[in-house]
Structures are given as C-alpha cells and as structure tokens.
Amino acid sequence: MDLRLDGQTAVVTGASRGIGLAVNRGLVAEGVRVTAGALRSSAELDELAGAGLAPVVEVDLAEPGGPAR
C-alpha cells in the first residue's frame, strides 16, 4: 500500500518490540526516515538500520529525566 509518506520523518517510541517494532517496519517500508526510541536497541531494530531507520535513541520515558535526555 502506498501511503505517500516517502521522504517524511517519524519518531516512534516503544520501538524495539511488539506494536512499536511493527510500526517501525511499516514506516520504513513506506520510505519514512524513522527515529526509534526504546529502552534498549534490539537485533530487529539493527536489521532496519540500513533501510531507513535512524540510530536508536536508548531512553526510558518513564523516568522523570528520561524525556529531557
């Protein structure tokens, strides 16, 4: 499906597994440059790195200082 998102940028949190990982895969497949936020990077995210995924930002958004980091 062509969502006409090629060249756009997205930020996905909770990106290393489950729904977040699926969203990353879908967006990268549509040509979106994705910045992924996750507690830890994963092998699955590393596989997407060459296809349009920006480096993973390791962050705990549940910590009070997490978003600022």
PDB file of N, CA and C in Angstrom:
ATOM      1  N   MET A   1       0.846  -1.165   0.000  1.00  0.00           N
ATOM      2  CA  MET A   1       0.000   0.000   0.000  1.00  0.00           C
ATOM      3  C   MET A   1       0.894   1.232   0.000  1.00  0.00           C
ATOM      4  N   ASP A   2       0.614   2.193  -0.832  1.00  0.00           N
ATOM      5  CA  ASP A   2       1.388   3.427  -0.878  1.00  0.00           C
ATOM      6  C   ASP A   2       0.646   4.513  -0.100  1.00  0.00           C
ATOM      7  N   LEU A   3       1.204   4.860   1.061  1.00  0.00           N
ATOM      8  CA  LEU A   3       0.597   5.890   1.901  1.00  0.00           C
ATOM      9  C   LEU A   3       1.140   7.284   1.576  1.00  0.00           C
ATOM     10  N   ARG A   4       1.994   7.373   0.561  1.00  0.00           N
ATOM     11  CA  ARG A   4       2.609   8.639   0.131  1.00  0.00           C
ATOM     12  C   ARG A   4       3.359   9.325   1.272  1.00  0.00           C
ATOM     13  N   LEU A   5       4.126   8.531   1.996  1.00  0.00           N
ATOM     14  CA  LEU A   5       4.915   9.041   3.117  1.00  0.00           C
ATOM     15  C   LEU A   5       6.396   9.106   2.796  1.00  0.00           C
ATOM     16  N   ASP A   6       6.779   8.725   1.582  1.00  0.00           N
ATOM     17  CA  ASP A   6       8.182   8.692   1.195  1.00  0.00           C
ATOM     18  C   ASP A   6       8.842  10.046   1.467  1.00  0.00           C
ATOM     19  N   GLY A   7       9.982   9.997   2.169  1.00  0.00           N
ATOM     20  CA  GLY A   7      10.716  11.216   2.473  1.00  0.00           C
ATOM     21  C   GLY A   7      10.302  11.907   3.759  1.00  0.00           C
ATOM     22  N   GLN A   8       9.262  11.424   4.410  1.00  0.00           N
ATOM     23  CA  GLN A   8       8.813  12.022   5.669  1.00  0.00           C
ATOM     24  C   GLN A   8       9.668  11.496   6.822  1.00  0.00           C
ATOM     25  N   THR A   9       9.522  12.102   7.982  1.00  0.00           N
ATOM     26  CA  THR A   9      10.244  11.698   9.183  1.00  0.00           C
ATOM     27  C   THR A   9       9.248  11.390  10.284  1.00  0.00           C
ATOM     28  N   ALA A  10       9.538  10.331  11.067  1.00  0.00           N
ATOM     29  CA  ALA A  10       8.657   9.960  12.171  1.00  0.00           C
ATOM     30  C   ALA A  10       9.495   9.592  13.392  1.00  0.00           C
ATOM     31  N   VAL A  11       8.913   9.763  14.567  1.00  0.00           N
ATOM     32  CA  VAL A  11       9.506   9.325  15.821  1.00  0.00           C
ATOM     33  C   VAL A  11       8.572   8.266  16.392  1.00  0.00           C
ATOM     34  N   VAL A  12       9.131   7.102  16.707  1.00  0.00           N
ATOM     35  CA  VAL A  12       8.341   6.003  17.269  1.00  0.00           C
ATOM     36  C   VAL A  12       8.939   5.641  18.618  1.00  0.00           C
ATOM     37  N   THR A  13       8.125   5.663  19.672  1.00  0.00           N
ATOM     38  CA  THR A  13       8.591   5.243  20.995  1.00  0.00           C
ATOM     39  C   THR A  13       8.109   3.827  21.250  1.00  0.00           C
ATOM     40  N   GLY A  14       8.743   3.146  22.198  1.00  0.00           N
ATOM     41  CA  GLY A  14       8.407   1.745  22.433  1.00  0.00           C
ATOM     42  C   GLY A  14       8.725   0.929  21.191  1.00  0.00           C
ATOM     43  N   ALA A  15       9.843   1.266  20.559  1.00  0.00           N
ATOM     44  CA  ALA A  15      10.110   0.832  19.199  1.00  0.00           C
ATOM     45  C   ALA A  15      10.815  -0.506  19.046  1.00  0.00           C
ATOM     46  N   SER A  16      11.212  -1.139  20.123  1.00  0.00           N
ATOM     47  CA  SER A  16      12.050  -2.324  19.980  1.00  0.00           C
ATOM     48  C   SER A  16      11.292  -3.634  19.855  1.00  0.00           C
ATOM     49  N   ARG A  17       9.997  -3.631  20.145  1.00  0.00           N
ATOM     50  CA  ARG A  17       9.241  -4.890  20.044  1.00  0.00           C
ATOM     51  C   ARG A  17       7.752  -4.606  19.913  1.00  0.00           C
ATOM     52  N   GLY A  18       6.998  -5.632  19.647  1.00  0.00           N
ATOM     53  CA  GLY A  18       5.542  -5.530  19.583  1.00  0.00           C
ATOM     54  C   GLY A  18       5.038  -4.537  18.551  1.00  0.00           C
ATOM     55  N   ILE A  19       4.048  -3.762  18.949  1.00  0.00           N
ATOM     56  CA  ILE A  19       3.415  -2.806  18.041  1.00  0.00           C
ATOM     57  C   ILE A  19       4.419  -1.752  17.574  1.00  0.00           C
ATOM     58  N   GLY A  20       5.275  -1.269  18.473  1.00  0.00           N
ATOM     59  CA  GLY A  20       6.260  -0.264  18.085  1.00  0.00           C
ATOM     60  C   GLY A  20       7.188  -0.766  16.984  1.00  0.00           C
ATOM     61  N   LEU A  21       7.642  -2.013  17.100  1.00  0.00           N
ATOM     62  CA  LEU A  21       8.509  -2.597  16.076  1.00  0.00           C
ATOM     63  C   LEU A  21       7.750  -2.754  14.763  1.00  0.00           C
ATOM     64  N   ALA A  22       6.501  -3.172  14.835  1.00  0.00           N
ATOM     65  CA  ALA A  22       5.686  -3.311  13.627  1.00  0.00           C
ATOM     66  C   ALA A  22       5.462  -1.964  12.950  1.00  0.00           C
ATOM     67  N   VAL A  23       5.246  -0.918  13.738  1.00  0.00           N
ATOM     68  CA  VAL A  23       5.085   0.422  13.180  1.00  0.00           C
ATOM     69  C   VAL A  23       6.381   0.852  12.491  1.00  0.00           C
ATOM     70  N   ASN A  24       7.525   0.589  13.130  1.00  0.00           N
ATOM     71  CA  ASN A  24       8.811   0.902  12.504  1.00  0.00           C
ATOM     72  C   ASN A  24       8.948   0.217  11.155  1.00  0.00           C
ATOM     73  N   ARG A  25       8.678  -1.075  11.120  1.00  0.00           N
ATOM     74  CA  ARG A  25       8.795  -1.832   9.865  1.00  0.00           C
ATOM     75  C   ARG A  25       7.896  -1.244   8.784  1.00  0.00           C
ATOM     76  N   GLY A  26       6.657  -0.945   9.145  1.00  0.00           N
ATOM     77  CA  GLY A  26       5.718  -0.401   8.175  1.00  0.00           C
ATOM     78  C   GLY A  26       6.138   0.958   7.643  1.00  0.00           C
ATOM     79  N   LEU A  27       6.601   1.829   8.541  1.00  0.00           N
ATOM     80  CA  LEU A  27       7.021   3.158   8.123  1.00  0.00           C
ATOM     81  C   LEU A  27       8.272   3.108   7.253  1.00  0.00           C
ATOM     82  N   VAL A  28       9.247   2.288   7.644  1.00  0.00           N
ATOM     83  CA  VAL A  28      10.461   2.153   6.846  1.00  0.00           C
ATOM     84  C   VAL A  28      10.116   1.615   5.462  1.00  0.00           C
ATOM     85  N   ALA A  29       9.194   0.662   5.385  1.00  0.00           N
ATOM     86  CA  ALA A  29       8.765   0.109   4.099  1.00  0.00           C
ATOM     87  C   ALA A  29       8.118   1.171   3.218  1.00  0.00           C
ATOM     88  N   GLU A  30       7.541   2.196   3.822  1.00  0.00           N
ATOM     89  CA  GLU A  30       6.900   3.288   3.080  1.00  0.00           C
ATOM     90  C   GLU A  30       7.882   4.405   2.724  1.00  0.00           C
ATOM     91  N   GLY A  31       9.171   4.236   3.111  1.00  0.00           N
ATOM     92  CA  GLY A  31      10.168   5.242   2.766  1.00  0.00           C
ATOM     93  C   GLY A  31      10.322   6.344   3.788  1.00  0.00           C
ATOM     94  N   VAL A  32       9.810   6.125   5.000  1.00  0.00           N
ATOM     95  CA  VAL A  32       9.903   7.124   6.063  1.00  0.00           C
ATOM     96  C   VAL A  32      11.227   6.957   6.801  1.00  0.00           C
ATOM     97  N   ARG A  33      11.875   8.052   7.130  1.00  0.00           N
ATOM     98  CA  ARG A  33      13.074   8.015   7.974  1.00  0.00           C
ATOM     99  C   ARG A  33      12.581   8.030   9.413  1.00  0.00           C
ATOM    100  N   VAL A  34      12.857   6.961  10.141  1.00  0.00           N
ATOM    101  CA  VAL A  34      12.309   6.774  11.481  1.00  0.00           C
ATOM    102  C   VAL A  34      13.397   6.915  12.535  1.00  0.00           C
ATOM    103  N   THR A  35      13.108   7.704  13.567  1.00  0.00           N
ATOM    104  CA  THR A  35      13.930   7.737  14.770  1.00  0.00           C
ATOM    105  C   THR A  35      13.191   6.914  15.807  1.00  0.00           C
ATOM    106  N   ALA A  36      13.852   5.866  16.297  1.00  0.00           N
ATOM    107  CA  ALA A  36      13.216   4.922  17.214  1.00  0.00           C
ATOM    108  C   ALA A  36      13.688   5.168  18.637  1.00  0.00           C
ATOM    109  N   GLY A  37      12.754   5.291  19.562  1.00  0.00           N
ATOM    110  CA  GLY A  37      13.069   5.420  20.979  1.00  0.00           C
ATOM    111  C   GLY A  37      12.722   4.123  21.676  1.00  0.00           C
ATOM    112  N   ALA A  38      13.688   3.567  22.416  1.00  0.00           N
ATOM    113  CA  ALA A  38      13.475   2.289  23.099  1.00  0.00           C
ATOM    114  C   ALA A  38      14.360   2.215  24.334  1.00  0.00           C
ATOM    115  N   LEU A  39      13.972   1.362  25.270  1.00  0.00           N
ATOM    116  CA  LEU A  39      14.826   1.149  26.438  1.00  0.00           C
ATOM    117  C   LEU A  39      16.186   0.622  26.007  1.00  0.00           C
ATOM    118  N   ARG A  40      16.175  -0.318  25.055  1.00  0.00           N
ATOM    119  CA  ARG A  40      17.389  -0.900  24.519  1.00  0.00           C
ATOM    120  C   ARG A  40      17.185  -1.177  23.041  1.00  0.00           C
ATOM    121  N   SER A  41      18.264  -1.100  22.302  1.00  0.00           N
ATOM    122  CA  SER A  41      18.196  -1.483  20.899  1.00  0.00           C
ATOM    123  C   SER A  41      17.985  -3.001  20.834  1.00  0.00           C
ATOM    124  N   SER A  42      17.620  -3.509  19.690  1.00  0.00           N
ATOM    125  CA  SER A  42      17.407  -4.945  19.535  1.00  0.00           C
ATOM    126  C   SER A  42      17.932  -5.371  18.176  1.00  0.00           C
ATOM    127  N   ALA A  43      18.109  -6.653  17.999  1.00  0.00           N
ATOM    128  CA  ALA A  43      18.583  -7.183  16.717  1.00  0.00           C
ATOM    129  C   ALA A  43      17.619  -6.802  15.599  1.00  0.00           C
ATOM    130  N   GLU A  44      16.328  -6.806  15.899  1.00  0.00           N
ATOM    131  CA  GLU A  44      15.324  -6.458  14.897  1.00  0.00           C
ATOM    132  C   GLU A  44      15.476  -5.008  14.447  1.00  0.00           C
ATOM    133  N   LEU A  45      15.726  -4.120  15.394  1.00  0.00           N
ATOM    134  CA  LEU A  45      15.933  -2.707  15.042  1.00  0.00           C
ATOM    135  C   LEU A  45      17.229  -2.533  14.258  1.00  0.00           C
ATOM    136  N   ASP A  46      18.265  -3.280  14.634  1.00  0.00           N
ATOM    137  CA  ASP A  46      19.537  -3.198  13.923  1.00  0.00           C
ATOM    138  C   ASP A  46      19.369  -3.600  12.464  1.00  0.00           C
ATOM    139  N   GLU A  47      18.504  -4.582  12.193  1.00  0.00           N
ATOM    140  CA  GLU A  47      18.244  -5.014  10.820  1.00  0.00           C
ATOM    141  C   GLU A  47      17.610  -3.898   9.992  1.00  0.00           C
ATOM    142  N   LEU A  48      16.809  -3.059  10.628  1.00  0.00           N
ATOM    143  CA  LEU A  48      16.137  -1.967   9.925  1.00  0.00           C
ATOM    144  C   LEU A  48      17.053  -0.768   9.684  1.00  0.00           C
ATOM    145  N   ALA A  49      18.190  -0.732  10.372  1.00  0.00           N
ATOM    146  CA  ALA A  49      19.062   0.441  10.311  1.00  0.00           C
ATOM    147  C   ALA A  49      19.485   0.792   8.888  1.00  0.00           C
ATOM    148  N   GLY A  50      19.778  -0.173   8.076  1.00  0.00           N
ATOM    149  CA  GLY A  50      20.205   0.123   6.720  1.00  0.00           C
ATOM    150  C   GLY A  50      19.075   0.498   5.794  1.00  0.00           C
ATOM    151  N   ALA A  51      17.855   0.303   6.227  1.00  0.00           N
ATOM    152  CA  ALA A  51      16.696   0.533   5.364  1.00  0.00           C
ATOM    153  C   ALA A  51      15.996   1.863   5.626  1.00  0.00           C
ATOM    154  N   GLY A  52      16.548   2.709   6.480  1.00  0.00           N
ATOM    155  CA  GLY A  52      15.917   4.000   6.720  1.00  0.00           C
ATOM    156  C   GLY A  52      15.707   4.332   8.183  1.00  0.00           C
ATOM    157  N   LEU A  53      16.016   3.389   9.058  1.00  0.00           N
ATOM    158  CA  LEU A  53      15.867   3.662  10.485  1.00  0.00           C
ATOM    159  C   LEU A  53      17.087   4.421  10.966  1.00  0.00           C
ATOM    160  N   ALA A  54      16.862   5.558  11.586  1.00  0.00           N
ATOM    161  CA  ALA A  54      17.959   6.333  12.168  1.00  0.00           C
ATOM    162  C   ALA A  54      18.495   5.558  13.376  1.00  0.00           C
ATOM    163  N   PRO A  55      19.658   5.938  13.893  1.00  0.00           N
ATOM    164  CA  PRO A  55      20.150   5.256  15.092  1.00  0.00           C
ATOM    165  C   PRO A  55      19.094   5.278  16.203  1.00  0.00           C
ATOM    166  N   VAL A  56      19.027   4.195  16.937  1.00  0.00           N
ATOM    167  CA  VAL A  56      18.059   4.075  18.023  1.00  0.00           C
ATOM    168  C   VAL A  56      18.474   4.977  19.175  1.00  0.00           C
ATOM    169  N   VAL A  57      17.503   5.694  19.733  1.00  0.00           N
ATOM    170  CA  VAL A  57      17.734   6.517  20.909  1.00  0.00           C
ATOM    171  C   VAL A  57      17.323   5.681  22.109  1.00  0.00           C
ATOM    172  N   GLU A  58      18.311   5.281  22.910  1.00  0.00           N
ATOM    173  CA  GLU A  58      18.004   4.484  24.095  1.00  0.00           C
ATOM    174  C   GLU A  58      17.578   5.433  25.209  1.00  0.00           C
ATOM    175  N   VAL A  59      16.313   5.301  25.620  1.00  0.00           N
ATOM    176  CA  VAL A  59      15.745   6.230  26.588  1.00  0.00           C
ATOM    177  C   VAL A  59      14.648   5.532  27.378  1.00  0.00           C
ATOM    178  N   ASP A  60      14.541   5.876  28.652  1.00  0.00           N
ATOM    179  CA  ASP A  60      13.448   5.390  29.487  1.00  0.00           C
ATOM    180  C   ASP A  60      12.512   6.566  29.724  1.00  0.00           C
ATOM    181  N   LEU A  61      11.429   6.595  28.983  1.00  0.00           N
ATOM    182  CA  LEU A  61      10.489   7.713  29.074  1.00  0.00           C
ATOM    183  C   LEU A  61       9.666   7.686  30.344  1.00  0.00           C
ATOM    184  N   ALA A  62       9.757   6.598  31.121  1.00  0.00           N
ATOM    185  CA  ALA A  62       9.043   6.524  32.392  1.00  0.00           C
ATOM    186  C   ALA A  62       9.815   7.218  33.515  1.00  0.00           C
ATOM    187  N   GLU A  63      11.113   7.459  33.316  1.00  0.00           N
ATOM    188  CA  GLU A  63      11.908   8.171  34.308  1.00  0.00           C
ATOM    189  C   GLU A  63      11.621   9.669  34.203  1.00  0.00           C
ATOM    190  N   PRO A  64      11.602  10.385  35.317  1.00  0.00           N
ATOM    191  CA  PRO A  64      11.340  11.816  35.261  1.00  0.00           C
ATOM    192  C   PRO A  64      12.283  12.583  34.335  1.00  0.00           C
ATOM    193  N   GLY A  65      13.563  12.216  34.296  1.00  0.00           N
ATOM    194  CA  GLY A  65      14.515  12.913  33.441  1.00  0.00           C
ATOM    195  C   GLY A  65      14.659  12.298  32.054  1.00  0.00           C
ATOM    196  N   GLY A  66      13.970  11.200  31.793  1.00  0.00           N
ATOM    197  CA  GLY A  66      14.091  10.493  30.529  1.00  0.00           C
ATOM    198  C   GLY A  66      13.800  11.323  29.299  1.00  0.00           C
ATOM    199  N   PRO A  67      12.666  11.996  29.215  1.00  0.00           N
ATOM    200  CA  PRO A  67      12.379  12.785  28.024  1.00  0.00           C
ATOM    201  C   PRO A  67      13.401  13.894  27.763  1.00  0.00           C
ATOM    202  N   ALA A  68      13.928  14.496  28.804  1.00  0.00           N
ATOM    203  CA  ALA A  68      14.903  15.569  28.615  1.00  0.00           C
ATOM    204  C   ALA A  68      16.213  15.034  28.061  1.00  0.00           C
ATOM    205  N   ARG A  69      16.560  13.786  28.433  1.00  0.00           N
ATOM    206  CA  ARG A  69      17.787  13.192  27.912  1.00  0.00           C
ATOM    207  C   ARG A  69      17.644  12.934  26.456  1.00  0.00           C
TER     208      ARG A  69
END
